[in-house]
């Protein structure tokens, strides 16, 4: 039996966060009425003259600097010719021979802790196409050109990945970088980050690459992993049955988990690239590059290392918190407010993340602010409320927007820590359950540990969850042994 090796390279379309398009002043806002944000320049009508958006250039350079790439101080826009209804110009304005970013690398970490460097071949600037809709038009297709001309950087990796896990780790690392830089909002459901996956297989030990296929426009990490595994299995089946893999473009349907061939893969010659006559070469000064380098934020890997050393978090928690910039910012604000980084991490990765997932919100839209969460954790630490009551306060803050202190006061949720009051509650529990008390005192020590929880639970129930758990444990131990 032949042992097969998978070879994967990614082409990632990163939608930039500029307010206007790459060659016109049209808005890039998401969700507008179809064809309400497409200017004459976006349509490429005769007599129009595009000009390059400076912010798009700067964002591309920032990305290149973040991955340690070389920045081409002279880059050229070219026309890539093809016919498709959502590109009315008949060509895409992009970069080919002289892209703005060359080289660089992104380091990934796998679940087993193994680290690997994935090389970047280049990243180039280009415009996005429009969007075709095939539903609801009774045998026709609808074309929305709002997205036409939206600025992208296409990040092209080297074929350095050898498994679906590595490809997803690379995609996640890239996501963290571009969202931390603020050059992309990372909203994959809106098409802000789209992955084209190039997959081939070859006998293990063979240097020559196999024939690759490209599956386009994957917009979730889960779909990407499933698509790669399915395509690898398909290619191996074809080869082991004596067939040949065809170089082609494929589409993957995440709803049905099926893929199909779209067209035979084009080569670069098919696109008839030539320099765009309307756009002069983009020239960037060394001073501009240095200014952008100085303005780079703390990058995910550096921030993760700092979270481990400064806040003494686990590698796992630090990784989860630094995947997205706004989550890391939120955590740091909570930790600063409450003075307990571990508790802050537990709440952010637990209750906050669960609530956001349930309500399909991002951390920037969280109904509980970092200051409110920090206040809530502080009230747990100072004994004002128990951890159980804190869950109730958390829900109330999210629903009402009021401060934790206001909720605690209004609903009378302060923890009972008065020893006299707690003794009365414990005495009541013991008086109400004489048989359990007798059984506890007659039991061996290892059984007593299991039975003890019954008395704790009854005490907390009688106190409506307000009793201080530590004091309850202490008083119960004294009285039961007595």
Protein backbone atom coordinates (compact mmCIF):
# COMPACT_ATOMS: atom_id res chain seq x y z
CA UNK A 1 0.00 0.00 0.00
CA UNK A 2 1.22 3.49 -0.90
CA UNK A 3 1.55 5.93 1.98
CA UNK A 4 0.25 9.29 0.76
CA UNK A 5 1.35 12.77 1.78
CA UNK A 6 -0.96 15.77 1.58
CA UNK A 7 0.31 19.09 0.25
CA UNK A 8 -1.74 22.24 0.93
CA UNK A 9 -1.35 25.89 0.00
CA UNK A 10 -3.83 28.67 0.73
CA UNK A 11 -4.85 31.82 -1.10
CA UNK A 12 -6.70 34.06 1.33
CA UNK A 13 -8.79 37.05 0.30
CA UNK A 14 -8.68 39.60 3.11
CA UNK A 15 -11.23 42.41 2.79
CA UNK A 16 -9.70 45.64 4.03
CA UNK A 17 -11.47 48.00 6.42
CA UNK A 18 -11.23 51.16 4.35
CA UNK A 19 -14.37 53.31 4.29
CA UNK A 20 -14.27 53.59 0.49
CA UNK A 21 -13.33 51.31 -2.38
CA UNK A 22 -9.85 50.78 -3.72
CA UNK A 23 -10.23 52.91 -6.89
CA UNK A 24 -13.31 55.05 -6.18
CA UNK A 25 -15.03 56.95 -3.39
CA UNK A 26 -17.96 54.51 -3.20
CA UNK A 27 -18.82 53.21 0.27
CA UNK A 28 -17.78 49.72 1.37
CA UNK A 29 -20.48 49.48 4.08
CA UNK A 30 -22.07 46.06 4.32
CA UNK A 31 -25.79 45.46 3.88
CA UNK A 32 -26.81 48.36 1.62
CA UNK A 33 -29.56 48.00 -0.98
CA UNK A 34 -28.28 46.06 -4.03
CA UNK A 35 -26.41 48.20 -6.58
CA UNK A 36 -26.68 51.33 -4.44
CA UNK A 37 -22.90 51.56 -3.89
CA UNK A 38 -21.51 50.99 -7.38
CA UNK A 39 -20.12 54.06 -9.13
CA UNK A 40 -19.22 54.55 -12.79
CA UNK A 41 -15.58 53.88 -11.86
CA UNK A 42 -16.51 50.57 -10.22
CA UNK A 43 -18.29 49.57 -13.43
CA UNK A 44 -15.31 50.59 -15.57
CA UNK A 45 -17.38 52.72 -17.93
CA UNK A 46 -15.52 54.55 -20.75
CA UNK A 47 -14.10 57.88 -19.70
CA UNK A 48 -13.72 57.02 -16.01
CA UNK A 49 -10.31 57.20 -14.34
CA UNK A 50 -9.52 55.24 -11.16
CA UNK A 51 -7.18 56.46 -8.43
CA UNK A 52 -5.64 54.30 -5.73
CA UNK A 53 -6.96 54.48 -2.16
CA UNK A 54 -3.98 55.42 0.05
CA UNK A 55 -5.48 53.68 3.09
CA UNK A 56 -5.56 50.37 1.21
CA UNK A 57 -1.87 50.76 0.37
CA UNK A 58 -1.04 51.48 4.02
CA UNK A 59 -3.04 48.52 5.30
CA UNK A 60 -1.30 46.16 2.88
CA UNK A 61 2.09 47.46 4.01
CA UNK A 62 1.14 47.05 7.69
CA UNK A 63 0.25 43.44 7.04
CA UNK A 64 3.55 42.83 5.26
CA UNK A 65 5.50 44.35 8.12
CA UNK A 66 3.59 42.23 10.65
CA UNK A 67 4.66 38.98 8.94
CA UNK A 68 8.27 40.05 8.39
CA UNK A 69 7.90 40.43 4.62
CA UNK A 70 9.76 42.66 2.18
CA UNK A 71 7.79 45.72 1.10
CA UNK A 72 8.15 46.59 -2.57
CA UNK A 73 8.55 50.35 -2.69
CA UNK A 74 7.39 50.19 -6.31
CA UNK A 75 4.37 48.01 -7.08
CA UNK A 76 2.28 47.81 -10.24
CA UNK A 77 -1.43 47.22 -10.89
CA UNK A 78 -2.37 44.98 -13.81
CA UNK A 79 -5.51 43.87 -15.58
CA UNK A 80 -6.51 40.23 -15.23
CA UNK A 81 -8.96 39.43 -18.03
CA UNK A 82 -11.91 37.09 -17.71
CA UNK A 83 -15.61 37.26 -18.42
CA UNK A 84 -18.11 36.86 -15.63
CA UNK A 85 -21.41 38.72 -15.05
CA UNK A 86 -20.42 40.11 -11.64
CA UNK A 87 -17.36 41.82 -13.18
CA UNK A 88 -18.82 44.15 -15.83
CA UNK A 89 -15.42 45.59 -16.79
CA UNK A 90 -14.35 42.23 -18.24
CA UNK A 91 -11.18 42.33 -16.15
CA UNK A 92 -10.03 42.60 -12.55
CA UNK A 93 -7.52 45.24 -11.50
CA UNK A 94 -4.95 43.38 -9.44
CA UNK A 95 -1.20 42.91 -8.96
CA UNK A 96 0.82 40.07 -10.44
CA UNK A 97 4.44 40.61 -11.44
CA UNK A 98 5.21 43.35 -8.91
CA UNK A 99 3.03 42.89 -5.79
CA UNK A 100 3.37 45.18 -2.80
CA UNK A 101 4.34 42.41 -0.31
CA UNK A 102 6.93 39.69 -0.98
CA UNK A 103 7.88 36.84 1.33
CA UNK A 104 7.28 36.72 5.06
CA UNK A 105 6.09 33.89 7.28
CA UNK A 106 3.44 33.00 9.85
CA UNK A 107 4.17 30.63 12.72
CA UNK A 108 1.44 28.21 13.74
CA UNK A 109 0.94 26.05 16.82
CA UNK A 110 -0.85 22.70 16.61
CA UNK A 111 -2.98 21.10 19.31
CA UNK A 112 -0.09 18.87 20.42
CA UNK A 113 2.08 21.93 21.01
CA UNK A 114 4.17 21.46 17.86
CA UNK A 115 5.13 24.71 16.15
CA UNK A 116 5.69 25.17 12.44
CA UNK A 117 6.54 28.08 10.16
CA UNK A 118 4.41 28.59 7.05
CA UNK A 119 6.09 30.72 4.40
CA UNK A 120 4.23 33.41 2.52
CA UNK A 121 5.00 33.71 -1.19
CA UNK A 122 3.49 37.19 -1.56
CA UNK A 123 0.44 39.33 -0.83
CA UNK A 124 -1.03 41.61 -3.47
CA UNK A 125 -3.70 44.28 -3.63
CA UNK A 126 -6.74 43.85 -5.83
CA UNK A 127 -10.40 44.74 -6.18
CA UNK A 128 -13.26 42.41 -5.32
CA UNK A 129 -15.95 41.40 -7.80
CA UNK A 130 -19.70 41.79 -7.40
CA UNK A 131 -22.03 39.07 -6.19
CA UNK A 132 -24.28 36.77 -8.21
CA UNK A 133 -27.54 35.52 -6.69
CA UNK A 134 -29.27 32.53 -8.23
CA UNK A 135 -32.31 32.22 -5.99
CA UNK A 136 -35.59 34.05 -6.34
CA UNK A 137 -35.14 35.17 -9.95
CA UNK A 138 -37.19 32.45 -11.73
CA UNK A 139 -34.49 30.92 -13.87
CA UNK A 140 -32.37 34.08 -14.04
CA UNK A 141 -29.57 35.43 -11.88
CA UNK A 142 -29.39 38.70 -9.97
CA UNK A 143 -26.19 40.76 -9.92
CA UNK A 144 -25.33 43.03 -6.98
CA UNK A 145 -22.32 45.22 -7.74
CA UNK A 146 -22.03 46.85 -4.33
CA UNK A 147 -18.96 44.73 -3.56
CA UNK A 148 -17.29 45.45 -6.91
CA UNK A 149 -14.16 47.47 -6.23
CA UNK A 150 -13.94 46.65 -2.52
CA UNK A 151 -10.23 46.52 -1.59
CA UNK A 152 -8.64 43.15 -0.86
CA UNK A 153 -5.22 41.81 -0.15
CA UNK A 154 -4.77 38.28 -1.42
CA UNK A 155 -2.30 36.39 0.75
CA UNK A 156 -0.66 33.49 -1.07
CA UNK A 157 1.12 30.90 1.04
CA UNK A 158 3.78 28.45 -0.04
CA UNK A 159 2.59 24.79 -0.18
CA UNK A 160 4.00 24.16 3.30
CA UNK A 161 0.98 22.60 5.03
CA UNK A 162 0.62 18.85 5.29
CA UNK A 163 -2.78 18.36 6.94
CA UNK A 164 -6.17 19.96 7.40
CA UNK A 165 -5.18 20.74 10.99
CA UNK A 166 -2.16 22.73 9.82
CA UNK A 167 -4.24 24.61 7.25
CA UNK A 168 -6.83 25.59 9.85
CA UNK A 169 -4.10 26.62 12.31
CA UNK A 170 -2.59 28.83 9.60
CA UNK A 171 -5.99 30.34 8.78
CA UNK A 172 -6.64 31.08 12.46
CA UNK A 173 -3.21 32.66 12.89
CA UNK A 174 -3.76 34.83 9.82
CA UNK A 175 -7.19 35.82 11.16
CA UNK A 176 -5.60 36.88 14.46
CA UNK A 177 -2.99 39.01 12.70
CA UNK A 178 -5.31 40.89 10.35
CA UNK A 179 -7.94 41.55 13.04
CA UNK A 180 -5.28 42.67 15.52
CA UNK A 181 -3.89 45.06 12.92
CA UNK A 182 -7.41 46.30 12.27
CA UNK A 183 -6.99 45.84 8.51
CA UNK A 184 -9.90 43.33 8.43
CA UNK A 185 -12.98 42.97 10.60
CA UNK A 186 -12.83 39.16 10.33
CA UNK A 187 -16.57 38.77 9.70
CA UNK A 188 -16.38 35.63 7.62
CA UNK A 189 -20.15 35.29 7.34
CA UNK A 190 -20.09 38.62 5.45
CA UNK A 191 -17.23 37.51 3.19
CA UNK A 192 -14.53 39.57 4.90
CA UNK A 193 -12.18 36.58 4.93
CA UNK A 194 -12.41 33.93 2.21
CA UNK A 195 -10.11 30.95 1.68
CA UNK A 196 -9.15 29.25 -1.59
CA UNK A 197 -7.59 25.88 -0.77
CA UNK A 198 -5.08 24.20 -3.11
CA UNK A 199 -4.76 20.48 -2.37
CA UNK A 200 -2.65 17.71 -3.89
CA UNK A 201 -1.35 14.34 -2.74
CA UNK A 202 1.86 12.47 -3.55
CA UNK A 203 3.55 9.27 -2.41
CA UNK A 204 5.39 9.94 0.83
CA UNK A 205 9.04 10.71 0.09
CA UNK A 206 8.42 11.94 -3.45
CA UNK A 207 9.72 15.46 -4.09
CA UNK A 208 7.57 16.26 -7.11
CA UNK A 209 4.15 17.70 -6.32
CA UNK A 210 1.00 15.95 -7.47
CA UNK A 211 -1.70 17.61 -9.59
CA UNK A 212 -3.58 20.11 -7.44
CA UNK A 213 -7.16 21.22 -7.29
CA UNK A 214 -8.41 24.54 -5.97
CA UNK A 215 -11.57 24.79 -3.88
CA UNK A 216 -12.75 28.39 -3.75
CA UNK A 217 -14.50 30.73 -1.34
CA UNK A 218 -14.56 28.79 1.91
CA UNK A 219 -15.64 31.16 4.66
CA UNK A 220 -15.36 29.13 7.86
CA UNK A 221 -12.62 27.18 9.57
CA UNK A 222 -14.95 24.22 10.03
CA UNK A 223 -15.87 24.07 6.36
CA UNK A 224 -12.22 24.36 5.38
CA UNK A 225 -11.20 21.41 7.55
CA UNK A 226 -14.05 19.23 6.25
CA UNK A 227 -13.42 20.25 2.64
CA UNK A 228 -9.70 19.41 2.79
CA UNK A 229 -10.25 16.02 4.37
CA UNK A 230 -12.89 15.18 1.76
CA UNK A 231 -10.73 16.32 -1.17
CA UNK A 232 -7.68 14.41 0.08
CA UNK A 233 -9.74 11.23 0.33
CA UNK A 234 -11.19 11.82 -3.16
CA UNK A 235 -7.79 12.29 -4.79
CA UNK A 236 -6.34 9.21 -3.10
CA UNK A 237 -9.32 7.15 -4.28
CA UNK A 238 -8.83 8.40 -7.87
CA UNK A 239 -5.11 7.58 -7.87
CA UNK A 240 -5.48 4.19 -6.21
CA UNK A 241 -8.14 3.28 -8.80
CA UNK A 242 -5.58 3.98 -11.55
CA UNK A 243 -6.98 7.38 -12.57
CA UNK A 244 -5.45 10.83 -12.82
CA UNK A 245 -6.34 13.90 -10.76
CA UNK A 246 -7.51 16.75 -13.04
CA UNK A 247 -6.33 20.28 -12.33
CA UNK A 248 -9.62 22.06 -11.75
CA UNK A 249 -11.52 24.59 -9.69
CA UNK A 250 -14.05 23.09 -7.28
CA UNK A 251 -16.85 24.37 -5.05
CA UNK A 252 -17.70 23.03 -1.60
CA UNK A 253 -21.21 23.21 -0.14
CA UNK A 254 -21.05 23.49 3.63
CA UNK A 255 -24.75 22.72 4.04
CA UNK A 256 -24.66 19.40 2.18
CA UNK A 257 -20.96 18.67 2.81
CA UNK A 258 -20.48 17.92 -0.87
CA UNK A 259 -18.10 19.29 -3.50
CA UNK A 260 -18.32 19.50 -7.27
CA UNK A 261 -16.15 20.48 -10.18
CA UNK A 262 -16.72 24.04 -11.41
CA UNK A 263 -14.29 24.38 -14.32
CA UNK A 264 -10.91 23.26 -15.57
CA UNK A 265 -8.27 25.32 -13.81
CA UNK A 266 -6.92 28.25 -15.78
CA UNK A 267 -3.24 29.09 -15.99
CA UNK A 268 -1.84 32.60 -15.71
CA UNK A 269 -1.51 32.87 -19.51
CA UNK A 270 -5.27 32.48 -19.86
CA UNK A 271 -5.84 35.77 -18.07
CA UNK A 272 -3.69 37.90 -20.43
CA UNK A 273 -2.20 40.06 -17.68
CA UNK A 274 -0.84 43.46 -18.71
CA UNK A 275 -0.07 46.66 -16.74
CA UNK A 276 -3.16 48.80 -16.16
CA UNK A 277 -2.76 51.88 -18.38
CA UNK A 278 -4.94 54.01 -16.08
CA UNK A 279 -2.95 53.52 -12.86
CA UNK A 280 0.70 54.56 -12.55
CA UNK A 281 3.08 52.45 -10.42
CA UNK A 282 2.61 52.90 -6.67
CA UNK A 283 5.77 54.27 -5.08
CA UNK A 284 6.16 54.21 -1.29
CA UNK A 285 8.94 56.04 0.54
CA UNK A 286 11.17 54.50 3.19
CA UNK A 287 9.90 57.13 5.63
CA UNK A 288 6.28 56.04 5.10
CA UNK A 289 7.22 52.40 5.67
CA UNK A 290 9.10 53.22 8.88
CA UNK A 291 6.16 55.29 10.17
CA UNK A 292 3.78 52.38 9.57
CA UNK A 293 6.20 49.99 11.26
CA UNK A 294 6.36 52.21 14.33
CA UNK A 295 2.56 52.28 14.51
CA UNK A 296 2.12 48.47 14.55
CA UNK A 297 0.18 47.22 17.60
CA UNK A 298 1.31 44.36 19.82
CA UNK A 299 0.90 41.29 17.63
CA UNK A 300 -0.94 38.13 18.75
CA UNK A 301 2.12 35.95 19.46
CA UNK A 302 3.79 38.68 21.52
CA UNK A 303 0.59 39.40 23.41
CA UNK A 304 0.05 35.72 24.10
CA UNK A 305 3.57 35.40 25.54
CA UNK A 306 2.94 38.46 27.72
CA UNK A 307 -0.35 37.05 29.01
CA UNK A 308 1.45 33.87 30.06
CA UNK A 309 4.30 35.71 31.81
CA UNK A 310 2.51 38.76 33.19
CA UNK A 311 -0.85 37.25 34.14
CA UNK A 312 0.38 33.68 34.75
CA UNK A 313 -2.29 32.26 32.45
CA UNK A 314 -2.06 28.84 30.87
CA UNK A 315 -0.89 28.63 27.28
CA UNK A 316 -4.39 27.49 26.29
CA UNK A 317 -6.17 30.43 27.97
CA UNK A 318 -3.68 32.92 26.56
CA UNK A 319 -4.15 31.50 23.08
CA UNK A 320 -7.94 31.72 23.29
CA UNK A 321 -7.84 35.29 24.59
CA UNK A 322 -5.44 36.60 21.95
CA UNK A 323 -7.09 35.05 18.90
CA UNK A 324 -9.03 38.25 18.39
CA UNK A 325 -7.84 41.73 19.39
CA UNK A 326 -11.08 42.97 20.93
CA UNK A 327 -11.34 39.89 23.15
CA UNK A 328 -7.80 40.48 24.41
CA UNK A 329 -8.58 44.15 25.06
CA UNK A 330 -11.78 43.19 26.93
CA UNK A 331 -9.94 40.67 29.09
CA UNK A 332 -7.20 43.12 30.03
CA UNK A 333 -9.79 45.74 31.01
CA UNK A 334 -11.60 43.18 33.22
CA UNK A 335 -8.35 41.99 34.82
CA UNK A 336 -7.27 45.55 35.53
CA UNK A 337 -10.61 46.38 37.17
CA UNK A 338 -10.84 43.30 39.41
CA UNK A 339 -7.15 42.58 40.00
CA UNK A 340 -7.53 38.83 39.36
CA UNK A 341 -6.41 37.74 35.89
CA UNK A 342 -7.29 34.06 36.34
CA UNK A 343 -10.87 34.77 37.43
CA UNK A 344 -11.16 37.33 34.62
CA UNK A 345 -10.01 34.75 32.05
CA UNK A 346 -12.44 32.15 33.41
CA UNK A 347 -15.39 34.51 33.10
CA UNK A 348 -14.44 35.89 29.68
CA UNK A 349 -13.82 32.44 28.17
CA UNK A 350 -16.76 30.87 30.01
CA UNK A 351 -19.90 32.87 30.77
CA UNK A 352 -19.19 35.80 28.45
CA UNK A 353 -18.23 33.63 25.47
CA UNK A 354 -21.25 31.38 26.03
CA UNK A 355 -23.61 34.34 26.21
CA UNK A 356 -22.16 35.92 23.06
CA UNK A 357 -22.41 32.66 21.12
CA UNK A 358 -26.00 32.16 22.21
CA UNK A 359 -26.98 35.69 21.18
CA UNK A 360 -24.72 35.66 18.07
CA UNK A 361 -22.90 38.80 19.18
CA UNK A 362 -19.28 39.89 18.95
CA UNK A 363 -17.31 40.95 22.02
CA UNK A 364 -17.59 44.59 20.91
CA UNK A 365 -21.38 44.30 21.25
CA UNK A 366 -21.32 42.57 24.63
CA UNK A 367 -24.28 43.62 26.82
CA UNK A 368 -21.97 43.47 29.86
CA UNK A 369 -19.03 45.85 29.72
CA UNK A 370 -15.54 44.99 30.88
CA UNK A 371 -15.98 47.40 33.81
CA UNK A 372 -19.25 45.75 34.85
CA UNK A 373 -17.72 42.28 34.69
CA UNK A 374 -14.72 43.49 36.67
CA UNK A 375 -17.07 44.88 39.33
CA UNK A 376 -18.95 41.57 39.47
CA UNK A 377 -15.74 39.59 39.98
CA UNK A 378 -14.66 42.04 42.68
CA UNK A 379 -17.91 41.35 44.57
CA UNK A 380 -17.14 37.61 44.47
CA UNK A 381 -13.64 38.22 45.79
CA UNK A 382 -14.71 40.50 48.66
CA UNK A 383 -17.43 38.08 49.75
CA UNK A 384 -20.37 40.30 48.89
CA UNK A 385 -21.89 37.52 46.74
CA UNK A 386 -21.21 33.85 46.18
CA UNK A 387 -20.14 32.35 42.87
CA UNK A 388 -23.62 30.90 42.45
CA UNK A 389 -25.33 34.25 43.00
CA UNK A 390 -22.80 35.85 40.63
CA UNK A 391 -24.33 33.86 37.75
CA UNK A 392 -27.71 35.37 38.60
CA UNK A 393 -26.25 38.87 38.78
CA UNK A 394 -24.43 38.32 35.47
CA UNK A 395 -27.69 37.46 33.70
CA UNK A 396 -29.44 40.45 35.24
CA UNK A 397 -26.68 42.85 34.16
CA UNK A 398 -26.81 41.51 30.59
CA UNK A 399 -30.57 41.92 30.50
CA UNK A 400 -30.92 45.32 32.18
CA UNK A 401 -27.59 47.04 31.64
CA UNK A 402 -27.52 48.05 35.32
CA UNK A 403 -24.37 47.79 37.39
CA UNK A 404 -23.74 44.63 39.47
CA UNK A 405 -23.87 46.67 42.67
CA UNK A 406 -27.30 48.03 41.73
CA UNK A 407 -28.60 44.52 40.95
CA UNK A 408 -27.22 43.12 44.21
CA UNK A 409 -28.83 45.93 46.22
CA UNK A 410 -32.19 45.89 44.44
CA UNK A 411 -32.63 42.11 44.65
CA UNK A 412 -31.15 41.68 48.12
CA UNK A 413 -28.48 39.27 46.96
CA UNK A 414 -25.73 40.07 49.44
CA UNK A 415 -24.04 36.98 50.81
CA UNK A 416 -24.82 36.08 54.43
CA UNK A 417 -21.51 36.03 56.29
CA UNK A 418 -22.76 36.74 59.78
CA UNK A 419 -21.75 33.68 61.81
CA UNK A 420 -24.72 33.96 64.16
CA UNK A 421 -27.23 34.04 61.32
CA UNK A 422 -25.49 31.14 59.57
CA UNK A 423 -25.49 29.05 62.75
CA UNK A 424 -29.27 29.44 63.01
CA UNK A 425 -29.70 28.25 59.44
CA UNK A 426 -27.40 25.26 59.99
CA UNK A 427 -29.21 24.37 63.23
CA UNK A 428 -32.50 24.42 61.34
CA UNK A 429 -31.09 22.09 58.63
CA UNK A 430 -29.81 19.62 61.25
CA UNK A 431 -33.08 19.72 63.17
CA UNK A 432 -35.06 19.05 59.99
CA UNK A 433 -32.91 16.03 59.03
CA UNK A 434 -32.21 14.00 62.20
CA UNK A 435 -31.95 10.66 60.39
CA UNK A 436 -29.30 12.00 58.00
CA UNK A 437 -27.37 13.49 60.93
CA UNK A 438 -27.41 10.14 62.76
CA UNK A 439 -26.33 8.27 59.62
CA UNK A 440 -23.51 10.75 59.04
CA UNK A 441 -22.14 10.39 62.56
CA UNK A 442 -22.27 6.62 62.36
CA UNK A 443 -20.55 6.42 58.97
CA UNK A 444 -16.88 5.89 58.25
CA UNK A 445 -14.81 8.91 57.28
CA UNK A 446 -14.67 8.17 53.55
CA UNK A 447 -18.49 7.92 53.43
CA UNK A 448 -18.90 11.09 55.49
CA UNK A 449 -17.13 13.07 52.76
CA UNK A 450 -19.77 11.99 50.26
CA UNK A 451 -22.66 12.61 52.64
CA UNK A 452 -21.44 16.06 53.67
CA UNK A 453 -22.64 17.61 50.40
CA UNK A 454 -26.27 16.91 51.35
CA UNK A 455 -26.06 19.24 54.37
CA UNK A 456 -24.27 21.94 52.38
CA UNK A 457 -26.95 21.80 49.70
CA UNK A 458 -29.78 22.01 52.24
CA UNK A 459 -28.13 24.97 53.96
CA UNK A 460 -27.64 26.83 50.68
CA UNK A 461 -31.24 26.10 49.71
CA UNK A 462 -32.59 27.40 53.01
CA UNK A 463 -30.46 30.55 52.68
CA UNK A 464 -31.62 31.00 49.06
CA UNK A 465 -28.01 30.68 47.92
CA UNK A 466 -26.85 33.65 50.00
CA UNK A 467 -24.86 31.79 52.64
CA UNK A 468 -21.08 32.11 52.54
CA UNK A 469 -20.01 28.61 51.38
CA UNK A 470 -16.70 28.61 53.27
CA UNK A 471 -18.37 29.55 56.56
CA UNK A 472 -21.17 27.04 55.95
CA UNK A 473 -18.59 24.26 55.54
CA UNK A 474 -16.80 25.25 58.71
CA UNK A 475 -19.95 25.51 60.87
CA UNK A 476 -21.36 22.23 59.52
CA UNK A 477 -18.13 20.36 60.23
CA UNK A 478 -18.08 21.62 63.79
CA UNK A 479 -21.74 20.83 64.50
CA UNK A 480 -21.85 17.45 62.76
CA UNK A 481 -18.76 16.22 64.56
CA UNK A 482 -20.15 17.56 67.80
